[in-house]
């Protein structure tokens, strides 16, 4: 689900996700920005990477996923599935 802070995925249009931080209107500094959130893609395969963009440039990337009970409950998925 793309929102005002999320870029639509062309590779996986069925991706669901949420950007927890930074929040709308939160002050960020030019030397470092902390991102937090979750992403879930069940088909055809799980998400393997999340990228942060500024304009059209990739500024960060992670391949680290872990299970979150709040997200598992929200999505009605097993609590062991990384998001």
PDB file of N, CA and C in Angstrom:
ATOM      1  N   UNK A   1       0.838  -1.164   0.000  1.00  0.00           N
ATOM      2  CA  UNK A   1       0.000   0.000   0.000  1.00  0.00           C
ATOM      3  C   UNK A   1       0.883   1.226   0.000  1.00  0.00           C
ATOM      4  N   UNK A   2       0.918   1.916  -1.065  1.00  0.00           N
ATOM      5  CA  UNK A   2       1.717   3.128  -1.141  1.00  0.00           C
ATOM      6  C   UNK A   2       0.950   4.256  -0.475  1.00  0.00           C
ATOM      7  N   UNK A   3       1.649   5.087   0.212  1.00  0.00           N
ATOM      8  CA  UNK A   3       1.040   6.235   0.856  1.00  0.00           C
ATOM      9  C   UNK A   3       1.886   7.457   0.563  1.00  0.00           C
ATOM     10  N   UNK A   4       1.632   8.559   1.266  1.00  0.00           N
ATOM     11  CA  UNK A   4       2.379   9.781   0.983  1.00  0.00           C
ATOM     12  C   UNK A   4       3.871   9.640   1.256  1.00  0.00           C
ATOM     13  N   UNK A   5       4.270   8.681   2.109  1.00  0.00           N
ATOM     14  CA  UNK A   5       5.682   8.499   2.429  1.00  0.00           C
ATOM     15  C   UNK A   5       6.275   7.238   1.831  1.00  0.00           C
ATOM     16  N   UNK A   6       5.510   6.525   0.994  1.00  0.00           N
ATOM     17  CA  UNK A   6       5.993   5.279   0.415  1.00  0.00           C
ATOM     18  C   UNK A   6       5.964   5.343  -1.091  1.00  0.00           C
ATOM     19  N   UNK A   7       6.997   4.815  -1.715  1.00  0.00           N
ATOM     20  CA  UNK A   7       7.075   4.749  -3.164  1.00  0.00           C
ATOM     21  C   UNK A   7       6.524   3.409  -3.622  1.00  0.00           C
ATOM     22  N   UNK A   8       5.634   3.420  -4.591  1.00  0.00           N
ATOM     23  CA  UNK A   8       5.039   2.190  -5.123  1.00  0.00           C
ATOM     24  C   UNK A   8       6.122   1.282  -5.685  1.00  0.00           C
ATOM     25  N   UNK A   9       6.008   0.003  -5.422  1.00  0.00           N
ATOM     26  CA  UNK A   9       6.953  -0.967  -5.945  1.00  0.00           C
ATOM     27  C   UNK A   9       6.474  -1.448  -7.304  1.00  0.00           C
ATOM     28  N   UNK A  10       7.294  -1.264  -8.314  1.00  0.00           N
ATOM     29  CA  UNK A  10       6.936  -1.742  -9.646  1.00  0.00           C
ATOM     30  C   UNK A  10       7.239  -3.232  -9.775  1.00  0.00           C
ATOM     31  N   UNK A  11       8.225  -3.716  -9.018  1.00  0.00           N
ATOM     32  CA  UNK A  11       8.586  -5.121  -9.073  1.00  0.00           C
ATOM     33  C   UNK A  11       7.545  -5.988  -8.371  1.00  0.00           C
ATOM     34  N   UNK A  12       7.004  -5.511  -7.280  1.00  0.00           N
ATOM     35  CA  UNK A  12       6.017  -6.253  -6.500  1.00  0.00           C
ATOM     36  C   UNK A  12       4.837  -5.348  -6.169  1.00  0.00           C
ATOM     37  N   UNK A  13       3.881  -5.207  -7.072  1.00  0.00           N
ATOM     38  CA  UNK A  13       2.779  -4.275  -6.823  1.00  0.00           C
ATOM     39  C   UNK A  13       1.878  -4.678  -5.657  1.00  0.00           C
ATOM     40  N   UNK A  14       1.958  -5.929  -5.179  1.00  0.00           N
ATOM     41  CA  UNK A  14       1.111  -6.376  -4.086  1.00  0.00           C
ATOM     42  C   UNK A  14       1.789  -6.227  -2.718  1.00  0.00           C
ATOM     43  N   UNK A  15       2.807  -5.434  -2.620  1.00  0.00           N
ATOM     44  CA  UNK A  15       3.524  -5.221  -1.362  1.00  0.00           C
ATOM     45  C   UNK A  15       2.662  -4.398  -0.411  1.00  0.00           C
ATOM     46  N   UNK A  16       2.648  -4.818   0.852  1.00  0.00           N
ATOM     47  CA  UNK A  16       2.001  -4.034   1.905  1.00  0.00           C
ATOM     48  C   UNK A  16       3.098  -3.547   2.823  1.00  0.00           C
ATOM     49  N   UNK A  17       2.975  -2.335   3.304  1.00  0.00           N
ATOM     50  CA  UNK A  17       4.004  -1.813   4.187  1.00  0.00           C
ATOM     51  C   UNK A  17       3.578  -0.555   4.894  1.00  0.00           C
ATOM     52  N   UNK A  18       4.391  -0.148   5.846  1.00  0.00           N
ATOM     53  CA  UNK A  18       4.124   1.069   6.605  1.00  0.00           C
ATOM     54  C   UNK A  18       5.440   1.664   7.066  1.00  0.00           C
ATOM     55  N   UNK A  19       5.565   2.966   6.941  1.00  0.00           N
ATOM     56  CA  UNK A  19       6.737   3.683   7.418  1.00  0.00           C
ATOM     57  C   UNK A  19       6.402   4.248   8.794  1.00  0.00           C
ATOM     58  N   UNK A  20       7.028   3.687   9.842  1.00  0.00           N
ATOM     59  CA  UNK A  20       6.776   4.138  11.211  1.00  0.00           C
ATOM     60  C   UNK A  20       7.522   5.435  11.508  1.00  0.00           C
ATOM     61  N   UNK A  21       8.783   5.496  11.102  1.00  0.00           N
ATOM     62  CA  UNK A  21       9.623   6.677  11.334  1.00  0.00           C
ATOM     63  C   UNK A  21      10.435   6.974  10.087  1.00  0.00           C
ATOM     64  N   UNK A  22      10.684   8.187   9.730  1.00  0.00           N
ATOM     65  CA  UNK A  22      10.214   9.391  10.402  1.00  0.00           C
ATOM     66  C   UNK A  22       8.729   9.622  10.139  1.00  0.00           C
ATOM     67  N   UNK A  23       8.084  10.269  11.071  1.00  0.00           N
ATOM     68  CA  UNK A  23       6.671  10.586  10.928  1.00  0.00           C
ATOM     69  C   UNK A  23       6.512  11.872  10.139  1.00  0.00           C
ATOM     70  N   UNK A  24       5.328  12.103   9.628  1.00  0.00           N
ATOM     71  CA  UNK A  24       5.047  13.331   8.882  1.00  0.00           C
ATOM     72  C   UNK A  24       5.318  14.536   9.779  1.00  0.00           C
ATOM     73  N   UNK A  25       6.091  15.476   9.285  1.00  0.00           N
ATOM     74  CA  UNK A  25       6.402  16.693  10.029  1.00  0.00           C
ATOM     75  C   UNK A  25       7.558  16.575  11.008  1.00  0.00           C
ATOM     76  N   UNK A  26       8.105  15.367  11.153  1.00  0.00           N
ATOM     77  CA  UNK A  26       9.227  15.166  12.075  1.00  0.00           C
ATOM     78  C   UNK A  26      10.481  15.814  11.510  1.00  0.00           C
ATOM     79  N   UNK A  27      11.239  16.502  12.349  1.00  0.00           N
ATOM     80  CA  UNK A  27      12.503  17.091  11.929  1.00  0.00           C
ATOM     81  C   UNK A  27      13.528  15.994  11.692  1.00  0.00           C
ATOM     82  N   UNK A  28      14.231  16.076  10.578  1.00  0.00           N
ATOM     83  CA  UNK A  28      15.332  15.163  10.284  1.00  0.00           C
ATOM     84  C   UNK A  28      16.563  16.000   9.978  1.00  0.00           C
ATOM     85  N   UNK A  29      17.712  15.405  10.135  1.00  0.00           N
ATOM     86  CA  UNK A  29      18.959  16.129   9.957  1.00  0.00           C
ATOM     87  C   UNK A  29      19.701  15.583   8.745  1.00  0.00           C
ATOM     88  N   UNK A  30      20.470  16.432   8.110  1.00  0.00           N
ATOM     89  CA  UNK A  30      21.066  16.070   6.830  1.00  0.00           C
ATOM     90  C   UNK A  30      22.196  15.046   6.921  1.00  0.00           C
ATOM     91  N   UNK A  31      22.729  14.773   8.080  1.00  0.00           N
ATOM     92  CA  UNK A  31      23.834  13.833   8.190  1.00  0.00           C
ATOM     93  C   UNK A  31      23.379  12.390   8.379  1.00  0.00           C
ATOM     94  N   UNK A  32      22.216  12.195   8.992  1.00  0.00           N
ATOM     95  CA  UNK A  32      21.718  10.838   9.229  1.00  0.00           C
ATOM     96  C   UNK A  32      20.209  10.873   9.432  1.00  0.00           C
ATOM     97  N   UNK A  33      19.522   9.910   8.840  1.00  0.00           N
ATOM     98  CA  UNK A  33      18.080   9.777   8.998  1.00  0.00           C
ATOM     99  C   UNK A  33      17.802   8.335   9.413  1.00  0.00           C
ATOM    100  N   UNK A  34      17.030   8.148  10.470  1.00  0.00           N
ATOM    101  CA  UNK A  34      16.660   6.827  10.939  1.00  0.00           C
ATOM    102  C   UNK A  34      15.302   6.467  10.357  1.00  0.00           C
ATOM    103  N   UNK A  35      15.214   5.317   9.683  1.00  0.00           N
ATOM    104  CA  UNK A  35      13.962   4.821   9.124  1.00  0.00           C
ATOM    105  C   UNK A  35      13.530   3.586   9.903  1.00  0.00           C
ATOM    106  N   UNK A  36      12.237   3.466  10.110  1.00  0.00           N
ATOM    107  CA  UNK A  36      11.695   2.289  10.774  1.00  0.00           C
ATOM    108  C   UNK A  36      10.325   2.000  10.177  1.00  0.00           C
ATOM    109  N   UNK A  37      10.024   0.722  10.007  1.00  0.00           N
ATOM    110  CA  UNK A  37       8.729   0.348   9.461  1.00  0.00           C
ATOM    111  C   UNK A  37       8.710  -1.132   9.145  1.00  0.00           C
ATOM    112  N   UNK A  38       7.779  -1.523   8.297  1.00  0.00           N
ATOM    113  CA  UNK A  38       7.677  -2.925   7.922  1.00  0.00           C
ATOM    114  C   UNK A  38       7.196  -3.051   6.486  1.00  0.00           C
ATOM    115  N   UNK A  39       7.453  -4.220   5.903  1.00  0.00           N
ATOM    116  CA  UNK A  39       6.994  -4.534   4.550  1.00  0.00           C
ATOM    117  C   UNK A  39       6.663  -6.023   4.508  1.00  0.00           C
ATOM    118  N   UNK A  40       5.611  -6.352   3.758  1.00  0.00           N
ATOM    119  CA  UNK A  40       5.211  -7.751   3.624  1.00  0.00           C
ATOM    120  C   UNK A  40       4.783  -8.000   2.192  1.00  0.00           C
ATOM    121  N   UNK A  41       5.376  -9.013   1.582  1.00  0.00           N
ATOM    122  CA  UNK A  41       5.009  -9.439   0.228  1.00  0.00           C
ATOM    123  C   UNK A  41       4.962 -10.955   0.236  1.00  0.00           C
ATOM    124  N   UNK A  42       3.787 -11.509   0.060  1.00  0.00           N
ATOM    125  CA  UNK A  42       3.657 -12.959   0.156  1.00  0.00           C
ATOM    126  C   UNK A  42       3.741 -13.675  -1.180  1.00  0.00           C
ATOM    127  N   UNK A  43       3.543 -12.951  -2.271  1.00  0.00           N
ATOM    128  CA  UNK A  43       3.482 -13.628  -3.560  1.00  0.00           C
ATOM    129  C   UNK A  43       4.171 -12.785  -4.621  1.00  0.00           C
ATOM    130  N   UNK A  44       4.996 -13.290  -5.454  1.00  0.00           N
ATOM    131  CA  UNK A  44       5.359 -14.696  -5.601  1.00  0.00           C
ATOM    132  C   UNK A  44       6.410 -15.151  -4.593  1.00  0.00           C
ATOM    133  N   UNK A  45       7.118 -14.227  -3.963  1.00  0.00           N
ATOM    134  CA  UNK A  45       8.090 -14.603  -2.941  1.00  0.00           C
ATOM    135  C   UNK A  45       8.183 -13.474  -1.929  1.00  0.00           C
ATOM    136  N   UNK A  46       8.695 -13.766  -0.731  1.00  0.00           N
ATOM    137  CA  UNK A  46       8.812 -12.717   0.286  1.00  0.00           C
ATOM    138  C   UNK A  46       9.744 -11.591  -0.159  1.00  0.00           C
ATOM    139  N   UNK A  47       9.542 -10.407   0.408  1.00  0.00           N
ATOM    140  CA  UNK A  47      10.424  -9.272   0.118  1.00  0.00           C
ATOM    141  C   UNK A  47      11.842  -9.624   0.557  1.00  0.00           C
ATOM    142  N   UNK A  48      12.813  -9.210  -0.208  1.00  0.00           N
ATOM    143  CA  UNK A  48      14.209  -9.504   0.104  1.00  0.00           C
ATOM    144  C   UNK A  48      15.013  -8.254   0.416  1.00  0.00           C
ATOM    145  N   UNK A  49      14.456  -7.083   0.081  1.00  0.00           N
ATOM    146  CA  UNK A  49      15.199  -5.843   0.229  1.00  0.00           C
ATOM    147  C   UNK A  49      14.211  -4.676   0.320  1.00  0.00           C
ATOM    148  N   UNK A  50      14.556  -3.677   1.115  1.00  0.00           N
ATOM    149  CA  UNK A  50      13.783  -2.435   1.176  1.00  0.00           C
ATOM    150  C   UNK A  50      14.752  -1.300   0.919  1.00  0.00           C
ATOM    151  N   UNK A  51      14.358  -0.396   0.044  1.00  0.00           N
ATOM    152  CA  UNK A  51      15.197   0.756  -0.294  1.00  0.00           C
ATOM    153  C   UNK A  51      14.487   2.045   0.063  1.00  0.00           C
ATOM    154  N   UNK A  52      15.276   3.018   0.545  1.00  0.00           N
ATOM    155  CA  UNK A  52      14.770   4.363   0.812  1.00  0.00           C
ATOM    156  C   UNK A  52      15.262   5.272  -0.307  1.00  0.00           C
ATOM    157  N   UNK A  53      14.352   6.078  -0.821  1.00  0.00           N
ATOM    158  CA  UNK A  53      14.671   6.990  -1.918  1.00  0.00           C
ATOM    159  C   UNK A  53      14.536   8.436  -1.485  1.00  0.00           C
ATOM    160  N   UNK A  54      15.385   9.279  -2.047  1.00  0.00           N
ATOM    161  CA  UNK A  54      15.208  10.725  -1.964  1.00  0.00           C
ATOM    162  C   UNK A  54      15.144  11.185  -3.405  1.00  0.00           C
ATOM    163  N   UNK A  55      14.010  11.743  -3.770  1.00  0.00           N
ATOM    164  CA  UNK A  55      13.703  12.013  -5.164  1.00  0.00           C
ATOM    165  C   UNK A  55      13.758  10.669  -5.893  1.00  0.00           C
ATOM    166  N   UNK A  56      14.633  10.490  -6.844  1.00  0.00           N
ATOM    167  CA  UNK A  56      14.724   9.206  -7.534  1.00  0.00           C
ATOM    168  C   UNK A  56      16.034   8.473  -7.247  1.00  0.00           C
ATOM    169  N   UNK A  57      16.738   8.897  -6.204  1.00  0.00           N
ATOM    170  CA  UNK A  57      18.019   8.283  -5.856  1.00  0.00           C
ATOM    171  C   UNK A  57      17.883   7.406  -4.619  1.00  0.00           C
ATOM    172  N   UNK A  58      18.470   6.205  -4.668  1.00  0.00           N
ATOM    173  CA  UNK A  58      18.496   5.324  -3.500  1.00  0.00           C
ATOM    174  C   UNK A  58      19.464   5.916  -2.483  1.00  0.00           C
ATOM    175  N   UNK A  59      18.981   6.129  -1.247  1.00  0.00           N
ATOM    176  CA  UNK A  59      19.848   6.688  -0.208  1.00  0.00           C
ATOM    177  C   UNK A  59      20.122   5.688   0.911  1.00  0.00           C
ATOM    178  N   UNK A  60      19.357   4.589   0.944  1.00  0.00           N
ATOM    179  CA  UNK A  60      19.579   3.559   1.963  1.00  0.00           C
ATOM    180  C   UNK A  60      18.942   2.261   1.495  1.00  0.00           C
ATOM    181  N   UNK A  61      19.422   1.163   2.059  1.00  0.00           N
ATOM    182  CA  UNK A  61      18.889  -0.152   1.712  1.00  0.00           C
ATOM    183  C   UNK A  61      19.092  -1.074   2.897  1.00  0.00           C
ATOM    184  N   UNK A  62      18.136  -1.970   3.111  1.00  0.00           N
ATOM    185  CA  UNK A  62      18.299  -3.002   4.132  1.00  0.00           C
ATOM    186  C   UNK A  62      17.776  -4.331   3.621  1.00  0.00           C
ATOM    187  N   UNK A  63      18.392  -5.375   4.110  1.00  0.00           N
ATOM    188  CA  UNK A  63      17.938  -6.737   3.837  1.00  0.00           C
ATOM    189  C   UNK A  63      17.631  -7.438   5.154  1.00  0.00           C
ATOM    190  N   UNK A  64      17.522  -6.655   6.224  1.00  0.00           N
ATOM    191  CA  UNK A  64      17.268  -7.183   7.557  1.00  0.00           C
ATOM    192  C   UNK A  64      15.768  -7.141   7.832  1.00  0.00           C
ATOM    193  N   UNK A  65      15.180  -8.297   8.068  1.00  0.00           N
ATOM    194  CA  UNK A  65      13.762  -8.417   8.391  1.00  0.00           C
ATOM    195  C   UNK A  65      13.637  -9.251   9.662  1.00  0.00           C
ATOM    196  N   UNK A  66      12.662  -8.951  10.486  1.00  0.00           N
ATOM    197  CA  UNK A  66      12.396  -9.751  11.674  1.00  0.00           C
ATOM    198  C   UNK A  66      10.906  -9.721  11.949  1.00  0.00           C
ATOM    199  N   UNK A  67      10.450 -10.674  12.742  1.00  0.00           N
ATOM    200  CA  UNK A  67       9.020 -10.751  13.034  1.00  0.00           C
ATOM    201  C   UNK A  67       8.627  -9.656  14.025  1.00  0.00           C
ATOM    202  N   UNK A  68       7.432  -9.121  13.832  1.00  0.00           N
ATOM    203  CA  UNK A  68       6.864  -8.112  14.720  1.00  0.00           C
ATOM    204  C   UNK A  68       5.445  -8.554  15.078  1.00  0.00           C
ATOM    205  N   UNK A  69       5.186  -8.823  16.346  1.00  0.00           N
ATOM    206  CA  UNK A  69       3.855  -9.279  16.747  1.00  0.00           C
ATOM    207  C   UNK A  69       2.725  -8.341  16.330  1.00  0.00           C
ATOM    208  N   UNK A  70       2.952  -7.031  16.382  1.00  0.00           N
ATOM    209  CA  UNK A  70       1.903  -6.075  16.002  1.00  0.00           C
ATOM    210  C   UNK A  70       1.562  -6.184  14.520  1.00  0.00           C
ATOM    211  N   UNK A  71       2.569  -6.382  13.685  1.00  0.00           N
ATOM    212  CA  UNK A  71       2.345  -6.504  12.246  1.00  0.00           C
ATOM    213  C   UNK A  71       1.695  -7.849  11.925  1.00  0.00           C
ATOM    214  N   UNK A  72       2.182  -8.919  12.560  1.00  0.00           N
ATOM    215  CA  UNK A  72       1.586 -10.239  12.341  1.00  0.00           C
ATOM    216  C   UNK A  72       0.103 -10.228  12.681  1.00  0.00           C
ATOM    217  N   UNK A  73      -0.248  -9.605  13.779  1.00  0.00           N
ATOM    218  CA  UNK A  73      -1.658  -9.515  14.181  1.00  0.00           C
ATOM    219  C   UNK A  73      -2.456  -8.694  13.171  1.00  0.00           C
ATOM    220  N   UNK A  74      -1.903  -7.565  12.750  1.00  0.00           N
ATOM    221  CA  UNK A  74      -2.568  -6.679  11.780  1.00  0.00           C
ATOM    222  C   UNK A  74      -2.818  -7.387  10.442  1.00  0.00           C
ATOM    223  N   UNK A  75      -1.843  -8.177   9.987  1.00  0.00           N
ATOM    224  CA  UNK A  75      -1.938  -8.847   8.686  1.00  0.00           C
ATOM    225  C   UNK A  75      -2.559 -10.244   8.766  1.00  0.00           C
ATOM    226  N   UNK A  76      -2.802 -10.719   9.991  1.00  0.00           N
ATOM    227  CA  UNK A  76      -3.336 -12.072  10.198  1.00  0.00           C
ATOM    228  C   UNK A  76      -2.408 -13.123   9.597  1.00  0.00           C
ATOM    229  N   UNK A  77      -1.122 -12.995   9.931  1.00  0.00           N
ATOM    230  CA  UNK A  77      -0.120 -13.960   9.468  1.00  0.00           C
ATOM    231  C   UNK A  77       0.558 -14.576  10.692  1.00  0.00           C
ATOM    232  N   UNK A  78       1.293 -15.657  10.477  1.00  0.00           N
ATOM    233  CA  UNK A  78       1.993 -16.318  11.570  1.00  0.00           C
ATOM    234  C   UNK A  78       2.998 -15.364  12.217  1.00  0.00           C
ATOM    235  N   UNK A  79       3.106 -15.440  13.539  1.00  0.00           N
ATOM    236  CA  UNK A  79       3.977 -14.541  14.279  1.00  0.00           C
ATOM    237  C   UNK A  79       5.454 -14.741  13.956  1.00  0.00           C
ATOM    238  N   UNK A  80       5.820 -15.830  13.318  1.00  0.00           N
ATOM    239  CA  UNK A  80       7.217 -16.115  12.993  1.00  0.00           C
ATOM    240  C   UNK A  80       7.655 -15.557  11.635  1.00  0.00           C
ATOM    241  N   UNK A  81       6.721 -15.011  10.874  1.00  0.00           N
ATOM    242  CA  UNK A  81       7.063 -14.499   9.530  1.00  0.00           C
ATOM    243  C   UNK A  81       7.733 -13.146   9.645  1.00  0.00           C
ATOM    244  N   UNK A  82       8.950 -12.995   9.099  1.00  0.00           N
ATOM    245  CA  UNK A  82       9.624 -11.704   9.134  1.00  0.00           C
ATOM    246  C   UNK A  82       8.920 -10.669   8.248  1.00  0.00           C
ATOM    247  N   UNK A  83       8.864  -9.447   8.729  1.00  0.00           N
ATOM    248  CA  UNK A  83       8.252  -8.358   7.947  1.00  0.00           C
ATOM    249  C   UNK A  83       9.151  -7.151   7.930  1.00  0.00           C
TER     250      UNK A  83
END
